[in-house]
Each structure stands twice: as structure tokens, then as C-alpha cells.
């Protein structure tokens, strides 16, 4: 599952660099994958990005925030 997670993140990175957008399908795929081993406190990782996007809407896009929230759902692999 970790390899699939890494592949999805690499695809999101590549697409963001090339098109300056992260497709919703990638964020949804990461959420679905994360739901197999979910920790709700991980959503807090998106909070700083949400605040930054609110304060400077031209700096961080909605796709970045959605991707961060999706990644925040993923379990902590350093347990």
C-alpha cells in the first residue's frame, strides 16, 4: 500500500509541476487508500495550508489544500 501511495504522490507532483493543478481524482484516490488505515488527527496537517491560502489566495491553490488533507489522512508510518 505504501508503494501505491508513493506512486499517487509522484503523479500529483508531476501533474502539479506540468499543469499547475492537482486533479481531484488523485486526491480522492489518496483518501480512499488512506481510509484503509486512517487516523483522524492527520487532518490537522492541512490547517496551516488552509490558513495560508486564506491569507494569500494567489499563493496556494485549492488542489494543494485538498492534497494535503488527503495525505493527512494517511497513517503515520513512523510508529
Protein backbone atom coordinates (compact mmCIF):
# COMPACT_ATOMS: atom_id res chain seq x y z
CA UNK A 1 0.00 0.00 0.00
CA UNK A 2 2.93 2.34 0.67
CA UNK A 3 4.17 1.93 -2.88
CA UNK A 4 0.77 2.83 -4.32
CA UNK A 5 0.63 5.86 -2.00
CA UNK A 6 4.07 6.97 -3.21
CA UNK A 7 3.09 6.48 -6.85
CA UNK A 8 -0.03 8.61 -6.39
CA UNK A 9 2.05 11.36 -4.77
CA UNK A 10 4.56 11.25 -7.62
CA UNK A 11 1.76 11.56 -10.17
CA UNK A 12 0.30 14.51 -8.23
CA UNK A 13 3.71 16.18 -8.12
CA UNK A 14 4.33 15.68 -11.83
CA UNK A 15 0.87 16.96 -12.78
CA UNK A 16 1.21 19.97 -10.50
CA UNK A 17 4.57 20.89 -11.98
CA UNK A 18 3.39 20.48 -15.58
CA UNK A 19 -0.17 21.85 -15.44
CA UNK A 20 -0.13 23.83 -12.16
CA UNK A 21 -3.12 21.86 -10.92
CA UNK A 22 -3.76 18.69 -8.97
CA UNK A 23 -6.71 16.68 -10.30
CA UNK A 24 -9.45 15.88 -7.79
CA UNK A 25 -9.23 12.24 -8.87
CA UNK A 26 -5.75 11.97 -7.36
CA UNK A 27 -6.82 13.47 -4.04
CA UNK A 28 -9.83 11.16 -3.93
CA UNK A 29 -7.66 8.13 -4.74
CA UNK A 30 -5.30 9.03 -1.87
CA UNK A 31 -8.27 9.45 0.51
CA UNK A 32 -9.69 6.07 -0.49
CA UNK A 33 -6.30 4.46 0.03
CA UNK A 34 -5.85 6.21 3.38
CA UNK A 35 -9.25 5.04 4.65
CA UNK A 36 -7.85 1.52 4.96
CA UNK A 37 -5.65 2.71 7.84
CA UNK A 38 -7.00 6.08 8.97
CA UNK A 39 -6.03 8.50 11.76
CA UNK A 40 -8.40 11.50 12.14
CA UNK A 41 -5.80 13.79 13.72
CA UNK A 42 -3.92 13.72 10.44
CA UNK A 43 -6.38 16.26 9.06
CA UNK A 44 -4.72 18.86 11.27
CA UNK A 45 -1.79 18.81 8.86
CA UNK A 46 -3.92 20.74 6.36
CA UNK A 47 -4.73 23.55 8.80
CA UNK A 48 -1.59 25.67 8.19
CA UNK A 49 -2.12 25.40 4.43
CA UNK A 50 -5.76 26.42 4.79
CA UNK A 51 -4.73 29.48 6.81
CA UNK A 52 -2.02 30.38 4.29
CA UNK A 53 -4.46 30.05 1.39
CA UNK A 54 -6.99 32.21 3.20
CA UNK A 55 -4.44 34.92 3.89
CA UNK A 56 -2.88 34.78 0.40
CA UNK A 57 -5.35 33.22 -2.07
CA UNK A 58 -2.97 33.62 -5.01
CA UNK A 59 -0.17 31.67 -3.31
CA UNK A 60 -1.68 28.26 -2.58
CA UNK A 61 -4.48 26.71 -4.60
CA UNK A 62 -7.39 24.57 -3.52
CA UNK A 63 -5.78 21.48 -5.02
CA UNK A 64 -2.80 21.86 -2.73
CA UNK A 65 -5.05 22.07 0.31
CA UNK A 66 -7.13 19.06 -0.77
CA UNK A 67 -3.99 17.04 -1.42
CA UNK A 68 -2.56 17.99 1.97
CA UNK A 69 -5.80 16.97 3.68
CA UNK A 70 -5.79 13.67 1.80
CA UNK A 71 -2.19 12.99 2.79
CA UNK A 72 -3.03 13.96 6.37
CA UNK A 73 -5.46 11.07 6.48
CA UNK A 74 -2.67 8.65 5.74
CA UNK A 75 -1.33 6.82 8.75
CA UNK A 76 1.91 7.80 10.41
CA UNK A 77 4.46 5.36 9.03
CA UNK A 78 6.99 6.14 11.78
CA UNK A 79 5.14 4.28 14.55
